[in-house]
Protein backbone atom coordinates (compact mmCIF):
# COMPACT_ATOMS: atom_id res chain seq x y z
CA ASN A 1 107.15 84.42 96.65
CA GLY A 2 106.24 87.84 96.64
CA GLU A 3 105.29 90.57 99.14
CA SER A 4 102.83 89.91 101.87
CA ALA A 5 99.03 91.02 102.06
CA SER A 6 100.77 93.02 105.42
CA ASP A 7 103.85 94.24 103.35
CA VAL A 8 101.22 95.60 100.78
CA TYR A 9 99.24 96.89 103.16
CA ASP A 10 101.82 99.04 104.60
CA ARG A 11 102.84 100.33 101.48
CA VAL A 12 99.53 101.18 99.97
CA SER A 13 99.06 103.11 103.59
CA THR A 14 101.90 105.16 103.04
CA PHE A 15 100.88 105.76 99.20
CA LEU A 16 97.12 106.36 100.28
CA ASP A 17 98.38 109.55 102.71
CA SER A 18 100.14 110.93 100.17
CA LEU A 19 97.01 110.44 97.41
CA TRP A 20 94.77 112.43 99.63
CA ARG A 21 97.13 115.17 100.26
CA SER A 22 97.17 115.21 96.58
CA PHE A 23 93.55 114.94 95.99
CA ASP A 24 93.21 118.03 98.41
CA ALA A 25 96.10 120.40 96.44
CA ASN A 26 94.92 118.92 92.83
CA ARG A 27 91.15 118.93 92.90
CA SER A 28 90.33 116.96 89.24
CA GLN A 29 87.03 115.24 88.56
CA ASN A 30 88.91 111.72 87.61
CA TYR A 31 91.85 110.19 88.85
CA VAL A 32 93.06 106.25 87.53
CA LEU A 33 95.49 104.12 89.22
CA VAL A 34 96.80 101.16 87.73
CA THR A 35 98.29 98.30 90.25
CA HIS A 36 98.27 95.00 90.62
CA GLY A 37 95.49 92.84 92.38
CA ILE A 38 96.24 92.51 95.83
CA SER A 39 97.24 96.37 95.59
CA VAL A 40 93.45 97.29 94.34
CA ARG A 41 91.73 94.99 97.67
CA VAL A 42 94.55 96.90 99.91
CA LEU A 43 93.33 99.67 98.71
CA LEU A 44 89.77 98.93 99.04
CA MET A 45 90.30 97.10 102.25
CA ARG A 46 92.33 100.55 104.02
CA TYR A 47 89.57 102.67 102.21
CA PHE A 48 86.13 100.95 103.35
CA ARG A 49 87.62 99.58 106.45
CA TYR A 50 86.85 95.94 105.43
CA SER A 51 87.71 93.13 108.13
CA ILE A 52 90.58 90.61 107.01
CA ASP A 53 87.80 88.10 106.60
CA GLN A 54 86.14 90.54 103.61
CA PHE A 55 89.69 91.11 102.63
CA ASN A 56 90.22 87.51 101.85
CA MET A 57 86.74 87.09 100.24
CA LEU A 58 87.42 89.38 97.42
CA ALA A 59 89.00 87.90 94.76
CA ASN A 60 92.01 89.68 92.43
CA PRO A 61 90.80 91.58 89.53
CA LYS A 62 91.63 89.75 86.13
CA ASN A 63 93.83 91.33 83.81
CA CYS A 64 92.25 94.89 82.37
CA GLU A 65 89.21 94.67 84.85
CA MET A 66 88.41 98.13 86.36
CA ILE A 67 87.17 99.06 89.64
CA ILE A 68 85.19 101.87 89.62
CA LEU A 69 85.14 104.00 92.74
CA GLY A 70 82.50 107.29 92.36
CA HIS A 71 81.83 110.53 93.93
CA ASP A 72 79.28 110.70 96.36
CA GLY A 73 78.96 114.67 96.43
CA GLN A 74 80.16 114.65 99.94
CA GLY A 75 83.69 114.53 99.71
CA LYS A 76 83.35 110.33 99.88
CA LEU A 77 84.03 107.39 97.33
CA GLN A 78 81.84 104.82 96.79
CA LEU A 79 81.99 101.63 95.14
CA GLU A 80 80.22 101.86 91.95
CA GLY A 81 81.19 98.27 90.92
CA ARG A 82 83.91 96.74 88.06
CA SER A 83 84.25 96.34 84.30
CA GLU A 84 85.33 93.36 82.75
CA LEU A 85 87.20 93.08 79.86
CA GLU A 86 85.13 90.59 77.47
CA LEU A 87 87.37 89.16 74.61
CA LYS A 88 86.08 87.09 71.53
CA ASP A 89 88.10 84.29 70.03
CA SER A 90 87.84 84.97 66.49
CA ILE A 91 89.06 81.75 65.65
CA CYS A 92 85.85 79.78 66.20
CA GLU A 93 84.66 82.12 63.08
CA LYS A 94 86.78 80.13 60.81
CA ARG A 95 87.04 76.72 59.42
CA GLU A 96 89.83 74.83 60.47
CA GLU A 97 91.43 74.58 57.33
CA GLU A 98 91.94 78.25 57.09
CA ILE A 99 93.84 78.17 60.52
CA ASP A 100 97.41 78.86 60.29
CA ASN A 101 99.87 79.91 62.88
CA HIS A 102 99.83 83.77 62.57
CA ASP A 103 95.82 83.27 62.99
CA ALA A 104 96.21 81.60 66.45
CA LYS A 105 98.76 84.14 67.64
CA ASN A 106 95.83 86.82 66.60
CA ARG A 107 92.78 85.41 67.23
CA ILE A 108 91.51 86.92 70.50
CA LYS A 109 90.02 90.14 69.98
CA VAL A 110 88.75 92.44 72.02
CA ASN A 111 85.13 92.67 72.16
CA GLY A 112 84.60 95.79 74.80
CA TYR A 113 83.89 95.61 78.63
CA LYS A 114 80.78 94.20 80.57
CA PHE A 115 79.86 96.39 83.97
CA PHE A 116 79.16 94.48 87.22
CA ARG A 117 77.91 96.07 90.12
CA LYS A 118 79.29 93.99 92.45
CA LEU A 119 82.95 92.86 93.08
CA ARG A 120 84.54 89.24 92.56
CA ILE A 121 84.57 87.32 95.17
CA VAL A 122 86.48 83.55 95.71
CA PRO A 123 84.54 80.61 95.20
CA LYS A 124 83.29 78.81 98.67
CA ASN A 125 85.16 75.86 98.01
CA HIS A 126 88.34 78.31 97.62
CA SER A 127 87.73 79.33 101.02
CA ARG A 128 87.21 78.34 104.96
CA SER A 129 85.08 79.74 107.91
CA ARG A 130 87.10 80.14 110.92
CA SER A 131 85.82 80.18 114.64
CA ILE A 132 86.98 82.84 117.17
CA ARG A 133 86.66 82.21 120.68
CA LEU A 134 87.01 85.55 123.07
CA SER A 135 87.49 85.06 126.77
CA ASN A 136 86.62 87.52 129.61
CA ILE A 137 89.76 87.75 131.33
């Protein structure tokens, strides 16, 4: 019940046009974009010219996951990888009799980030193949 990928594509395309102008006007070393999962997937699709099938294979990033793009030194961005938040359940370190409601609320602790070279893709059982038939007209 949200925006379709097509709606997001149109909105991200407009944003990217203004972003590229901003890159030209304000040469900075680093930029940080905070987006929703589908927006970052559309941004990657548009910039790297992914097909619809490639777009559909990408999984939405997890909460607090970072997609890292780096400069190639020639004015282009390249996909360096992703960093996923590592969480630790601190409740596992305590005996059950020591646990109270306060502990239950504060039991998840940030342990750091783990770097991966590749983006996450959807599991094969969540995707389906399709056949396209072209005819000579």
